[in-house]
Structures are given as structure tokens and as C-alpha cells.
């Protein structure tokens, strides 16, 4: 098993960057699945402000979250991921997961160099379901 998948399966708290209240969006549907699977979800909306998503308090950035984050699940375009990875490093997150279709080799290398498990262009829901089945 790779380090990112291990981080996902052992995580308790997942910050979801790009999660807001638009239920038709992929980020919402995947976060809802992860929440039903038993994970604590911390929303970090980037396009639409929200005080709460899926019954959880939302935060404007990773650096505003007052508790430890095991995994940062990223749903923003590739070109916007570098500052998110830097924030994940700064808060001491355990892992960074760039969702399917999101690729940033430099940011991923930076996360790994800082000791975080990291992956890109993979879906947390798909990986979780495959492991559970």
C-alpha cells in the first residue's frame, strides 16, 4: 500500500479544500461519502463563502483550522494548489491528496520533501471504495 492510501485509510480528520454548499459539485458528493464512511470533514470553501457545510463549521483557509488535520483533500485547479500545499505543510497535516484531474508535480514534491504523504490525480472516494470492497 502506498503512503497516501495508508494516510487516507488511517485518517480521522480530513480538510476538504474547495468544498462548499453546492450539492451538485464533485467535492460535495465525495466529502459527503467520506463523512458517511466515518471521517470528520472540515470544509475549506474557496469559491463560495460558507459558515457551515455538511453540518461542519467551515474555515476560510487551512491555517484557520484550530485542530490537527490528518489529510488535506484538494478540489481546486492545478495552478492553485501550490499555496494550499504550503499551508498543509505549515499546519503539520499528515498528507495532501490532489483529486482526480489535479496535477502539480512541483507542489507534490514539496509536500513529500516536507515529510507529508502526497498523491495527485486520484480520487479519495474511488480509492476508499476499492479498499473497503
N, C-alpha and C. Protein backbone atom coordinates (compact mmCIF):
# COMPACT_ATOMS: atom_id res chain seq x y z
N UNK A 1 0.86 -1.18 0.00
CA UNK A 1 0.00 0.00 0.00
C UNK A 1 0.90 1.24 0.00
N UNK A 2 0.52 2.25 -0.78
CA UNK A 2 1.34 3.45 -0.82
C UNK A 2 1.01 4.37 0.36
N UNK A 3 1.90 5.32 0.63
CA UNK A 3 1.78 6.18 1.81
C UNK A 3 0.51 7.02 1.79
N UNK A 4 0.10 7.52 0.63
CA UNK A 4 -1.11 8.35 0.56
C UNK A 4 -2.35 7.53 0.88
N UNK A 5 -2.45 6.34 0.33
CA UNK A 5 -3.60 5.49 0.62
C UNK A 5 -3.61 5.10 2.10
N UNK A 6 -2.45 4.79 2.64
CA UNK A 6 -2.35 4.49 4.06
C UNK A 6 -2.81 5.68 4.89
N UNK A 7 -2.42 6.89 4.48
CA UNK A 7 -2.83 8.10 5.19
C UNK A 7 -4.35 8.28 5.14
N UNK A 8 -4.95 8.01 3.99
CA UNK A 8 -6.40 8.12 3.85
C UNK A 8 -7.10 7.11 4.76
N UNK A 9 -6.65 5.87 4.73
CA UNK A 9 -7.33 4.83 5.49
C UNK A 9 -7.16 5.00 7.00
N UNK A 10 -6.09 5.63 7.43
CA UNK A 10 -5.87 5.83 8.86
C UNK A 10 -6.33 7.20 9.36
N UNK A 11 -6.72 8.08 8.46
CA UNK A 11 -7.14 9.43 8.84
C UNK A 11 -8.43 9.42 9.64
N UNK A 12 -8.56 10.41 10.49
CA UNK A 12 -9.82 10.65 11.20
C UNK A 12 -10.41 11.98 10.76
N UNK A 13 -9.54 12.97 10.51
CA UNK A 13 -9.98 14.31 10.15
C UNK A 13 -9.44 14.69 8.77
N UNK A 14 -10.35 15.05 7.88
CA UNK A 14 -9.98 15.43 6.51
C UNK A 14 -10.47 16.85 6.23
N UNK A 15 -9.54 17.75 5.92
CA UNK A 15 -9.91 19.09 5.46
C UNK A 15 -10.13 19.00 3.96
N UNK A 16 -11.28 19.48 3.50
CA UNK A 16 -11.62 19.41 2.09
C UNK A 16 -11.59 20.83 1.52
N UNK A 17 -10.51 21.12 0.78
CA UNK A 17 -10.33 22.45 0.20
C UNK A 17 -11.09 22.52 -1.12
N UNK A 18 -12.01 23.47 -1.20
CA UNK A 18 -12.86 23.61 -2.37
C UNK A 18 -14.27 23.10 -2.12
N UNK A 19 -14.57 22.74 -0.87
CA UNK A 19 -15.90 22.24 -0.50
C UNK A 19 -16.79 23.38 -0.06
N UNK A 20 -17.94 23.51 -0.73
CA UNK A 20 -18.94 24.48 -0.31
C UNK A 20 -20.31 23.80 -0.36
N UNK A 21 -21.38 24.58 -0.27
CA UNK A 21 -22.73 24.01 -0.17
C UNK A 21 -23.39 23.66 -1.50
N UNK A 22 -22.66 23.67 -2.58
CA UNK A 22 -23.25 23.31 -3.88
C UNK A 22 -23.25 21.78 -4.00
N UNK A 23 -24.41 21.19 -3.69
CA UNK A 23 -24.50 19.73 -3.59
C UNK A 23 -24.29 19.00 -4.91
N UNK A 24 -24.40 19.68 -6.03
CA UNK A 24 -24.17 19.05 -7.32
C UNK A 24 -22.70 18.94 -7.69
N UNK A 25 -21.83 19.53 -6.91
CA UNK A 25 -20.39 19.54 -7.21
C UNK A 25 -19.72 18.26 -6.70
N UNK A 26 -18.69 17.86 -7.40
CA UNK A 26 -17.96 16.65 -7.05
C UNK A 26 -17.40 16.72 -5.63
N UNK A 27 -16.85 17.87 -5.25
CA UNK A 27 -16.27 17.99 -3.91
C UNK A 27 -17.32 17.69 -2.84
N UNK A 28 -18.53 18.18 -3.03
CA UNK A 28 -19.60 17.95 -2.06
C UNK A 28 -19.95 16.47 -1.99
N UNK A 29 -20.11 15.85 -3.14
CA UNK A 29 -20.51 14.45 -3.18
C UNK A 29 -19.45 13.54 -2.57
N UNK A 30 -18.19 13.82 -2.84
CA UNK A 30 -17.11 13.00 -2.28
C UNK A 30 -16.98 13.25 -0.78
N UNK A 31 -17.07 14.51 -0.36
CA UNK A 31 -16.99 14.81 1.07
C UNK A 31 -18.16 14.17 1.82
N UNK A 32 -19.32 14.18 1.23
CA UNK A 32 -20.49 13.54 1.85
C UNK A 32 -20.26 12.03 1.99
N UNK A 33 -19.70 11.41 0.96
CA UNK A 33 -19.37 9.98 1.03
C UNK A 33 -18.37 9.73 2.16
N UNK A 34 -17.30 10.52 2.22
CA UNK A 34 -16.28 10.33 3.25
C UNK A 34 -16.87 10.53 4.65
N UNK A 35 -17.76 11.50 4.78
CA UNK A 35 -18.41 11.74 6.07
C UNK A 35 -19.25 10.53 6.48
N UNK A 36 -20.01 9.98 5.54
CA UNK A 36 -20.81 8.78 5.83
C UNK A 36 -19.93 7.59 6.16
N UNK A 37 -18.70 7.58 5.61
CA UNK A 37 -17.76 6.49 5.88
C UNK A 37 -17.09 6.63 7.25
N UNK A 38 -17.40 7.73 7.96
CA UNK A 38 -16.90 7.88 9.32
C UNK A 38 -15.82 8.94 9.53
N UNK A 39 -15.42 9.62 8.47
CA UNK A 39 -14.41 10.66 8.61
C UNK A 39 -15.03 11.96 9.12
N UNK A 40 -14.26 12.72 9.88
CA UNK A 40 -14.66 14.09 10.25
C UNK A 40 -14.20 14.99 9.11
N UNK A 41 -15.12 15.71 8.53
CA UNK A 41 -14.85 16.60 7.40
C UNK A 41 -14.76 18.04 7.90
N UNK A 42 -13.72 18.75 7.45
CA UNK A 42 -13.60 20.18 7.74
C UNK A 42 -13.62 20.91 6.41
N UNK A 43 -14.70 21.64 6.12
CA UNK A 43 -14.80 22.36 4.85
C UNK A 43 -13.90 23.59 4.80
N UNK A 44 -13.25 23.78 3.65
CA UNK A 44 -12.47 24.98 3.38
C UNK A 44 -12.94 25.50 2.01
N UNK A 45 -14.05 26.26 2.00
CA UNK A 45 -14.58 26.76 0.73
C UNK A 45 -13.61 27.77 0.10
N UNK A 46 -13.53 27.78 -1.22
CA UNK A 46 -12.66 28.75 -1.88
C UNK A 46 -13.42 29.64 -2.86
N UNK A 47 -14.53 29.18 -3.40
CA UNK A 47 -15.27 29.99 -4.37
C UNK A 47 -16.51 30.63 -3.75
N UNK A 48 -17.18 29.94 -2.88
CA UNK A 48 -18.38 30.45 -2.24
C UNK A 48 -18.18 30.43 -0.73
N UNK A 49 -18.35 31.58 -0.10
CA UNK A 49 -18.22 31.63 1.35
C UNK A 49 -19.33 30.78 1.98
N UNK A 50 -19.00 30.12 3.07
CA UNK A 50 -19.97 29.32 3.80
C UNK A 50 -19.53 29.24 5.25
N UNK A 51 -20.49 29.34 6.15
CA UNK A 51 -20.18 29.19 7.57
C UNK A 51 -20.18 27.72 7.97
N UNK A 52 -20.97 26.93 7.25
CA UNK A 52 -21.11 25.52 7.57
C UNK A 52 -21.41 24.74 6.29
N UNK A 53 -20.81 23.56 6.18
CA UNK A 53 -21.08 22.66 5.06
C UNK A 53 -21.19 21.25 5.63
N UNK A 54 -22.20 20.53 5.23
CA UNK A 54 -22.43 19.16 5.70
C UNK A 54 -22.44 19.08 7.23
N UNK A 55 -22.98 20.14 7.85
CA UNK A 55 -23.11 20.17 9.31
C UNK A 55 -21.82 20.48 10.04
N UNK A 56 -20.75 20.81 9.33
CA UNK A 56 -19.45 21.11 9.94
C UNK A 56 -19.08 22.57 9.71
N UNK A 57 -18.47 23.19 10.72
CA UNK A 57 -18.00 24.56 10.61
C UNK A 57 -16.97 24.66 9.50
N UNK A 58 -17.13 25.67 8.65
CA UNK A 58 -16.19 25.90 7.56
C UNK A 58 -15.15 26.94 7.96
N UNK A 59 -13.97 26.84 7.39
CA UNK A 59 -12.87 27.77 7.67
C UNK A 59 -12.38 28.38 6.37
N UNK A 60 -11.95 29.65 6.41
CA UNK A 60 -11.52 30.32 5.18
C UNK A 60 -10.20 29.79 4.61
N UNK A 61 -9.37 29.17 5.44
CA UNK A 61 -8.11 28.60 4.96
C UNK A 61 -7.68 27.47 5.89
N UNK A 62 -6.75 26.67 5.44
CA UNK A 62 -6.22 25.60 6.28
C UNK A 62 -5.59 26.16 7.55
N UNK A 63 -4.95 27.31 7.45
CA UNK A 63 -4.26 27.90 8.60
C UNK A 63 -5.22 28.37 9.68
N UNK A 64 -6.51 28.49 9.35
CA UNK A 64 -7.51 28.91 10.33
C UNK A 64 -8.11 27.75 11.12
N UNK A 65 -7.83 26.53 10.73
CA UNK A 65 -8.39 25.35 11.39
C UNK A 65 -7.67 25.16 12.73
N UNK A 66 -8.41 25.14 13.85
CA UNK A 66 -7.78 25.11 15.17
C UNK A 66 -7.41 23.72 15.69
N UNK A 67 -7.48 22.71 14.85
CA UNK A 67 -7.16 21.35 15.30
C UNK A 67 -6.31 20.65 14.26
N UNK A 68 -5.77 19.49 14.64
CA UNK A 68 -4.91 18.74 13.72
C UNK A 68 -5.72 18.19 12.54
N UNK A 69 -5.14 18.26 11.36
CA UNK A 69 -5.72 17.71 10.14
C UNK A 69 -4.87 16.54 9.69
N UNK A 70 -5.48 15.39 9.54
CA UNK A 70 -4.75 14.20 9.11
C UNK A 70 -4.47 14.22 7.61
N UNK A 71 -5.45 14.68 6.83
CA UNK A 71 -5.32 14.66 5.38
C UNK A 71 -6.00 15.89 4.79
N UNK A 72 -5.36 16.51 3.82
CA UNK A 72 -5.93 17.64 3.08
C UNK A 72 -6.33 17.13 1.71
N UNK A 73 -7.63 17.13 1.43
CA UNK A 73 -8.20 16.66 0.17
C UNK A 73 -8.49 17.89 -0.68
N UNK A 74 -7.84 18.02 -1.83
CA UNK A 74 -7.84 19.27 -2.59
C UNK A 74 -8.68 19.16 -3.86
N UNK A 75 -9.64 20.09 -3.98
CA UNK A 75 -10.54 20.19 -5.13
C UNK A 75 -10.44 21.57 -5.76
N UNK A 76 -9.25 21.99 -6.12
CA UNK A 76 -9.07 23.25 -6.84
C UNK A 76 -8.20 22.97 -8.06
N UNK A 77 -8.25 23.86 -9.03
CA UNK A 77 -7.46 23.66 -10.25
C UNK A 77 -5.98 23.57 -9.94
N UNK A 78 -5.30 22.79 -10.74
CA UNK A 78 -3.88 22.50 -10.53
C UNK A 78 -3.04 23.74 -10.26
N UNK A 79 -3.27 24.81 -11.01
CA UNK A 79 -2.45 26.01 -10.88
C UNK A 79 -2.64 26.74 -9.55
N UNK A 80 -3.66 26.36 -8.78
CA UNK A 80 -3.91 27.00 -7.48
C UNK A 80 -3.49 26.12 -6.29
N UNK A 81 -2.85 25.01 -6.57
CA UNK A 81 -2.56 24.07 -5.48
C UNK A 81 -1.31 24.39 -4.67
N UNK A 82 -0.34 25.09 -5.24
CA UNK A 82 0.90 25.35 -4.52
C UNK A 82 0.68 26.02 -3.16
N UNK A 83 -0.08 27.13 -3.07
CA UNK A 83 -0.28 27.72 -1.75
C UNK A 83 -1.04 26.82 -0.78
N UNK A 84 -1.89 25.97 -1.30
CA UNK A 84 -2.62 25.03 -0.43
C UNK A 84 -1.66 24.00 0.15
N UNK A 85 -0.76 23.51 -0.67
CA UNK A 85 0.25 22.56 -0.19
C UNK A 85 1.15 23.24 0.84
N UNK A 86 1.53 24.48 0.58
CA UNK A 86 2.35 25.22 1.56
C UNK A 86 1.61 25.37 2.89
N UNK A 87 0.30 25.64 2.82
CA UNK A 87 -0.50 25.74 4.05
C UNK A 87 -0.58 24.39 4.76
N UNK A 88 -0.72 23.31 3.99
CA UNK A 88 -0.78 21.96 4.58
C UNK A 88 0.51 21.66 5.32
N UNK A 89 1.62 22.04 4.74
CA UNK A 89 2.92 21.85 5.39
C UNK A 89 2.98 22.69 6.66
N UNK A 90 2.55 23.94 6.57
CA UNK A 90 2.62 24.87 7.70
C UNK A 90 1.79 24.40 8.90
N UNK A 91 0.66 23.75 8.64
CA UNK A 91 -0.19 23.32 9.76
C UNK A 91 0.17 21.92 10.26
N UNK A 92 1.13 21.29 9.62
CA UNK A 92 1.54 19.96 10.06
C UNK A 92 0.57 18.86 9.69
N UNK A 93 -0.12 19.02 8.57
CA UNK A 93 -1.04 17.97 8.11
C UNK A 93 -0.24 16.71 7.82
N UNK A 94 -0.91 15.58 7.90
CA UNK A 94 -0.23 14.31 7.66
C UNK A 94 -0.07 13.98 6.19
N UNK A 95 -0.98 14.48 5.36
CA UNK A 95 -0.96 14.11 3.95
C UNK A 95 -1.69 15.14 3.11
N UNK A 96 -1.34 15.17 1.82
CA UNK A 96 -2.01 16.01 0.83
C UNK A 96 -2.46 15.11 -0.30
N UNK A 97 -3.72 15.26 -0.69
CA UNK A 97 -4.30 14.44 -1.75
C UNK A 97 -4.91 15.37 -2.79
N UNK A 98 -4.30 15.43 -3.98
CA UNK A 98 -4.86 16.22 -5.08
C UNK A 98 -5.80 15.31 -5.86
N UNK A 99 -7.04 15.72 -5.95
CA UNK A 99 -8.07 14.87 -6.54
C UNK A 99 -7.84 14.58 -8.01
N UNK A 100 -8.62 13.65 -8.52
CA UNK A 100 -8.53 13.22 -9.90
C UNK A 100 -8.59 14.43 -10.84
N UNK A 101 -7.65 14.50 -11.78
CA UNK A 101 -7.61 15.60 -12.73
C UNK A 101 -6.75 16.77 -12.25
N UNK A 102 -6.26 16.71 -11.02
CA UNK A 102 -5.44 17.78 -10.46
C UNK A 102 -4.00 17.29 -10.36
N UNK A 103 -3.09 17.98 -11.06
CA UNK A 103 -1.70 17.57 -11.12
C UNK A 103 -0.80 18.79 -10.92
N UNK A 104 0.13 18.68 -9.98
CA UNK A 104 1.14 19.71 -9.75
C UNK A 104 2.37 19.01 -9.19
N UNK A 105 3.26 18.59 -10.08
CA UNK A 105 4.44 17.82 -9.68
C UNK A 105 5.31 18.58 -8.68
N UNK A 106 5.48 19.88 -8.90
CA UNK A 106 6.33 20.67 -8.00
C UNK A 106 5.74 20.74 -6.60
N UNK A 107 4.46 20.99 -6.49
CA UNK A 107 3.81 21.07 -5.18
C UNK A 107 3.86 19.71 -4.48
N UNK A 108 3.64 18.65 -5.25
CA UNK A 108 3.69 17.30 -4.68
C UNK A 108 5.09 16.99 -4.14
N UNK A 109 6.11 17.34 -4.91
CA UNK A 109 7.49 17.12 -4.46
C UNK A 109 7.78 17.93 -3.20
N UNK A 110 7.26 19.13 -3.13
CA UNK A 110 7.45 19.98 -1.96
C UNK A 110 6.82 19.33 -0.73
N UNK A 111 5.61 18.81 -0.88
CA UNK A 111 4.92 18.14 0.23
C UNK A 111 5.72 16.93 0.70
N UNK A 112 6.17 16.12 -0.23
CA UNK A 112 6.93 14.93 0.12
C UNK A 112 8.25 15.29 0.79
N UNK A 113 8.92 16.35 0.31
CA UNK A 113 10.18 16.79 0.91
C UNK A 113 9.97 17.26 2.35
N UNK A 114 8.76 17.75 2.63
CA UNK A 114 8.43 18.22 3.99
C UNK A 114 7.94 17.07 4.88
N UNK A 115 7.89 15.86 4.33
CA UNK A 115 7.52 14.70 5.12
C UNK A 115 6.05 14.31 5.07
N UNK A 116 5.27 14.94 4.20
CA UNK A 116 3.86 14.58 4.07
C UNK A 116 3.70 13.47 3.05
N UNK A 117 2.80 12.55 3.30
CA UNK A 117 2.39 11.61 2.27
C UNK A 117 1.64 12.45 1.23
N UNK A 118 1.83 12.17 -0.04
CA UNK A 118 1.20 13.01 -1.06
C UNK A 118 0.90 12.20 -2.31
N UNK A 119 -0.20 12.56 -2.96
CA UNK A 119 -0.56 11.93 -4.22
C UNK A 119 -1.36 12.94 -5.04
N UNK A 120 -1.48 12.65 -6.32
CA UNK A 120 -2.23 13.53 -7.22
C UNK A 120 -2.97 12.72 -8.25
N UNK A 121 -3.98 13.36 -8.84
CA UNK A 121 -4.76 12.75 -9.91
C UNK A 121 -5.39 11.42 -9.48
N UNK A 122 -5.84 11.38 -8.22
CA UNK A 122 -6.52 10.20 -7.68
C UNK A 122 -7.72 10.66 -6.86
N UNK A 123 -8.74 9.84 -6.82
CA UNK A 123 -9.97 10.17 -6.10
C UNK A 123 -10.03 9.44 -4.76
N UNK A 124 -10.23 10.19 -3.69
CA UNK A 124 -10.32 9.58 -2.37
C UNK A 124 -11.49 8.61 -2.28
N UNK A 125 -12.61 8.95 -2.87
CA UNK A 125 -13.78 8.08 -2.80
C UNK A 125 -13.53 6.78 -3.56
N UNK A 126 -12.97 6.86 -4.74
CA UNK A 126 -12.69 5.66 -5.53
C UNK A 126 -11.71 4.76 -4.79
N UNK A 127 -10.66 5.35 -4.25
CA UNK A 127 -9.64 4.57 -3.53
C UNK A 127 -10.23 3.95 -2.25
N UNK A 128 -11.04 4.72 -1.53
CA UNK A 128 -11.65 4.20 -0.30
C UNK A 128 -12.59 3.05 -0.61
N UNK A 129 -13.43 3.23 -1.61
CA UNK A 129 -14.36 2.16 -2.01
C UNK A 129 -13.62 0.91 -2.45
N UNK A 130 -12.56 1.06 -3.21
CA UNK A 130 -11.80 -0.10 -3.69
C UNK A 130 -11.18 -0.85 -2.51
N UNK A 131 -10.73 -0.12 -1.51
CA UNK A 131 -10.12 -0.76 -0.34
C UNK A 131 -11.19 -1.44 0.52
N UNK A 132 -12.35 -0.80 0.65
CA UNK A 132 -13.42 -1.33 1.51
C UNK A 132 -14.04 -2.60 0.89
N UNK A 133 -14.06 -2.69 -0.44
CA UNK A 133 -14.73 -3.83 -1.10
C UNK A 133 -13.90 -5.07 -1.16
